[in-house]
Structures are given as C-alpha cells and as structure tokens.
Amino acid sequence: MKSYLDMRSRDEAVITQKARRYIEELQCHHSDRFILEKLRVRSYNTFTSVEEKAVTLKAIEIMKGML
C-alpha cells in the first residue's frame, strides 16, 4: 500500500512540474486571463493521453490560484 501511495505522490509531482513549465512557456507571450481561457478551451478537446489531460487540469488549478 505504501509503495502505491509513493507512486501516486511522485506522479502528482511530475504532473505539477509539467503544468508549471507549460504555464511559464505561455506567460512569455500571453496574459494570465488569456492563458486561463486557453486552458479551459483546451480542456474541452479530445486528449491523446491521460497525462496530457492531467497536465491541463492541473495548469487550470494553478492558474486559478494565481488570479
């Protein structure tokens, strides 16, 4: 059980790190409000992987905390 929880926390850390990197890339060129809207629209699209969806949803969560 402990190894499963460790794996989940590592996965969460990786997703959070990828989401932060994605936000930083977008912040170079766009305002925070535009980024949040872009992420919301992106969240309605079809995803190629579960990880891509997780990164997008985590990025939305991070951006909401920033505004």
N, C-alpha and C. Protein backbone atom coordinates (compact mmCIF):
# COMPACT_ATOMS: atom_id res chain seq x y z
N MET A 1 0.83 -1.19 0.00
CA MET A 1 0.00 0.00 0.00
C MET A 1 0.87 1.25 0.00
N LYS A 2 1.93 1.24 0.79
CA LYS A 2 2.78 2.41 0.87
C LYS A 2 3.44 2.71 -0.48
N SER A 3 3.86 1.68 -1.18
CA SER A 3 4.51 1.91 -2.47
C SER A 3 3.54 2.52 -3.48
N TYR A 4 2.27 2.12 -3.42
CA TYR A 4 1.26 2.71 -4.30
C TYR A 4 1.10 4.20 -4.01
N LEU A 5 1.04 4.55 -2.73
CA LEU A 5 0.90 5.96 -2.36
C LEU A 5 2.13 6.76 -2.75
N ASP A 6 3.31 6.17 -2.61
CA ASP A 6 4.54 6.83 -3.04
C ASP A 6 4.52 7.08 -4.54
N MET A 7 4.05 6.08 -5.29
CA MET A 7 3.98 6.21 -6.74
C MET A 7 3.01 7.33 -7.12
N ARG A 8 1.86 7.38 -6.45
CA ARG A 8 0.87 8.42 -6.74
C ARG A 8 1.43 9.81 -6.44
N SER A 9 2.14 9.96 -5.34
CA SER A 9 2.69 11.28 -5.00
C SER A 9 3.79 11.68 -5.99
N ARG A 10 4.58 10.72 -6.45
CA ARG A 10 5.59 11.04 -7.48
C ARG A 10 4.92 11.44 -8.78
N ASP A 11 3.84 10.73 -9.16
CA ASP A 11 3.11 11.08 -10.38
C ASP A 11 2.52 12.48 -10.28
N GLU A 12 1.97 12.81 -9.13
CA GLU A 12 1.41 14.15 -8.92
C GLU A 12 2.48 15.22 -9.03
N ALA A 13 3.65 14.95 -8.49
CA ALA A 13 4.74 15.91 -8.55
C ALA A 13 5.18 16.14 -9.99
N VAL A 14 5.23 15.08 -10.78
CA VAL A 14 5.63 15.20 -12.19
C VAL A 14 4.59 16.00 -12.96
N ILE A 15 3.32 15.72 -12.72
CA ILE A 15 2.23 16.43 -13.41
C ILE A 15 2.27 17.92 -13.04
N THR A 16 2.46 18.22 -11.78
CA THR A 16 2.54 19.61 -11.33
C THR A 16 3.72 20.33 -11.97
N GLN A 17 4.85 19.66 -12.04
CA GLN A 17 6.04 20.26 -12.64
C GLN A 17 5.80 20.54 -14.13
N LYS A 18 5.20 19.61 -14.85
CA LYS A 18 4.91 19.81 -16.27
C LYS A 18 3.90 20.94 -16.47
N ALA A 19 2.91 21.02 -15.60
CA ALA A 19 1.91 22.08 -15.70
C ALA A 19 2.54 23.45 -15.47
N ARG A 20 3.42 23.54 -14.48
CA ARG A 20 4.10 24.82 -14.21
C ARG A 20 4.99 25.23 -15.39
N ARG A 21 5.69 24.26 -15.98
CA ARG A 21 6.53 24.56 -17.14
C ARG A 21 5.68 25.05 -18.32
N TYR A 22 4.54 24.41 -18.53
CA TYR A 22 3.65 24.80 -19.62
C TYR A 22 3.13 26.22 -19.39
N ILE A 23 2.75 26.55 -18.17
CA ILE A 23 2.28 27.89 -17.84
C ILE A 23 3.39 28.92 -18.07
N GLU A 24 4.61 28.60 -17.64
CA GLU A 24 5.74 29.52 -17.83
C GLU A 24 5.98 29.80 -19.30
N GLU A 25 5.85 28.78 -20.15
CA GLU A 25 6.01 28.98 -21.59
C GLU A 25 4.96 29.95 -22.11
N LEU A 26 3.72 29.76 -21.69
CA LEU A 26 2.64 30.62 -22.16
C LEU A 26 2.75 32.04 -21.62
N GLN A 27 3.25 32.20 -20.40
CA GLN A 27 3.34 33.53 -19.79
C GLN A 27 4.34 34.43 -20.51
N CYS A 28 5.24 33.85 -21.26
CA CYS A 28 6.19 34.67 -22.02
C CYS A 28 5.48 35.49 -23.09
N HIS A 29 4.33 35.00 -23.54
CA HIS A 29 3.68 35.63 -24.69
C HIS A 29 2.26 36.13 -24.44
N HIS A 30 1.63 35.69 -23.34
CA HIS A 30 0.22 36.00 -23.15
C HIS A 30 -0.07 36.43 -21.71
N SER A 31 -1.23 37.09 -21.53
CA SER A 31 -1.67 37.48 -20.19
C SER A 31 -2.24 36.28 -19.45
N ASP A 32 -2.33 36.40 -18.14
CA ASP A 32 -2.85 35.30 -17.32
C ASP A 32 -4.29 34.95 -17.67
N ARG A 33 -5.11 35.97 -17.90
CA ARG A 33 -6.51 35.71 -18.25
C ARG A 33 -6.61 34.96 -19.58
N PHE A 34 -5.81 35.33 -20.55
CA PHE A 34 -5.81 34.65 -21.84
C PHE A 34 -5.38 33.19 -21.67
N ILE A 35 -4.37 32.97 -20.85
CA ILE A 35 -3.87 31.61 -20.62
C ILE A 35 -4.95 30.75 -19.98
N LEU A 36 -5.64 31.29 -18.98
CA LEU A 36 -6.70 30.54 -18.32
C LEU A 36 -7.80 30.19 -19.30
N GLU A 37 -8.18 31.13 -20.14
CA GLU A 37 -9.22 30.86 -21.14
C GLU A 37 -8.74 29.80 -22.14
N LYS A 38 -7.49 29.89 -22.56
CA LYS A 38 -6.92 28.91 -23.49
C LYS A 38 -6.94 27.52 -22.87
N LEU A 39 -6.58 27.42 -21.59
CA LEU A 39 -6.58 26.13 -20.91
C LEU A 39 -8.00 25.58 -20.76
N ARG A 40 -8.94 26.45 -20.47
CA ARG A 40 -10.34 25.99 -20.35
C ARG A 40 -10.84 25.44 -21.68
N VAL A 41 -10.57 26.14 -22.76
CA VAL A 41 -10.99 25.67 -24.08
C VAL A 41 -10.29 24.35 -24.41
N ARG A 42 -9.01 24.29 -24.08
CA ARG A 42 -8.25 23.07 -24.34
C ARG A 42 -8.81 21.88 -23.55
N SER A 43 -9.33 22.14 -22.36
CA SER A 43 -9.86 21.06 -21.53
C SER A 43 -11.11 20.42 -22.12
N TYR A 44 -11.78 21.11 -23.03
CA TYR A 44 -12.97 20.55 -23.66
C TYR A 44 -12.63 19.68 -24.87
N ASN A 45 -11.40 19.75 -25.35
CA ASN A 45 -11.00 18.98 -26.53
C ASN A 45 -10.68 17.54 -26.17
N THR A 46 -10.44 16.75 -27.20
CA THR A 46 -10.05 15.36 -27.01
C THR A 46 -8.56 15.31 -26.70
N PHE A 47 -8.18 14.51 -25.74
CA PHE A 47 -6.78 14.38 -25.34
C PHE A 47 -6.19 13.11 -25.91
N THR A 48 -4.90 13.17 -26.20
CA THR A 48 -4.22 11.99 -26.72
C THR A 48 -3.78 11.06 -25.61
N SER A 49 -3.69 11.59 -24.38
CA SER A 49 -3.29 10.74 -23.25
C SER A 49 -3.90 11.26 -21.95
N VAL A 50 -3.92 10.40 -20.98
CA VAL A 50 -4.43 10.77 -19.67
C VAL A 50 -3.49 11.80 -19.03
N GLU A 51 -2.20 11.66 -19.28
CA GLU A 51 -1.23 12.60 -18.73
C GLU A 51 -1.45 14.00 -19.27
N GLU A 52 -1.74 14.12 -20.56
CA GLU A 52 -2.00 15.43 -21.17
C GLU A 52 -3.21 16.09 -20.51
N LYS A 53 -4.24 15.30 -20.26
CA LYS A 53 -5.43 15.84 -19.60
C LYS A 53 -5.10 16.27 -18.18
N ALA A 54 -4.33 15.46 -17.47
CA ALA A 54 -3.96 15.78 -16.09
C ALA A 54 -3.14 17.06 -16.03
N VAL A 55 -2.22 17.24 -16.98
CA VAL A 55 -1.40 18.46 -17.01
C VAL A 55 -2.28 19.67 -17.25
N THR A 56 -3.21 19.56 -18.18
CA THR A 56 -4.09 20.69 -18.50
C THR A 56 -4.95 21.05 -17.29
N LEU A 57 -5.55 20.06 -16.65
CA LEU A 57 -6.40 20.34 -15.50
C LEU A 57 -5.59 20.90 -14.32
N LYS A 58 -4.39 20.39 -14.13
CA LYS A 58 -3.52 20.92 -13.06
C LYS A 58 -3.11 22.36 -13.37
N ALA A 59 -2.84 22.65 -14.65
CA ALA A 59 -2.47 24.01 -15.04
C ALA A 59 -3.64 24.98 -14.77
N ILE A 60 -4.86 24.53 -15.04
CA ILE A 60 -6.03 25.36 -14.74
C ILE A 60 -6.12 25.63 -13.24
N GLU A 61 -5.91 24.60 -12.45
CA GLU A 61 -5.94 24.75 -11.00
C GLU A 61 -4.87 25.73 -10.51
N ILE A 62 -3.68 25.65 -11.06
CA ILE A 62 -2.58 26.55 -10.69
C ILE A 62 -2.92 27.99 -11.09
N MET A 63 -3.44 28.16 -12.31
CA MET A 63 -3.76 29.50 -12.79
C MET A 63 -4.87 30.14 -11.96
N LYS A 64 -5.85 29.36 -11.55
CA LYS A 64 -6.92 29.91 -10.70
C LYS A 64 -6.35 30.41 -9.38
N GLY A 65 -5.36 29.72 -8.87
CA GLY A 65 -4.72 30.13 -7.63
C GLY A 65 -3.90 31.40 -7.80
N MET A 66 -3.42 31.67 -9.02
CA MET A 66 -2.60 32.85 -9.30
C MET A 66 -3.44 34.10 -9.48
N LEU A 67 -4.67 33.95 -9.91
CA LEU A 67 -5.51 35.12 -10.19
C LEU A 67 -6.20 35.63 -8.97
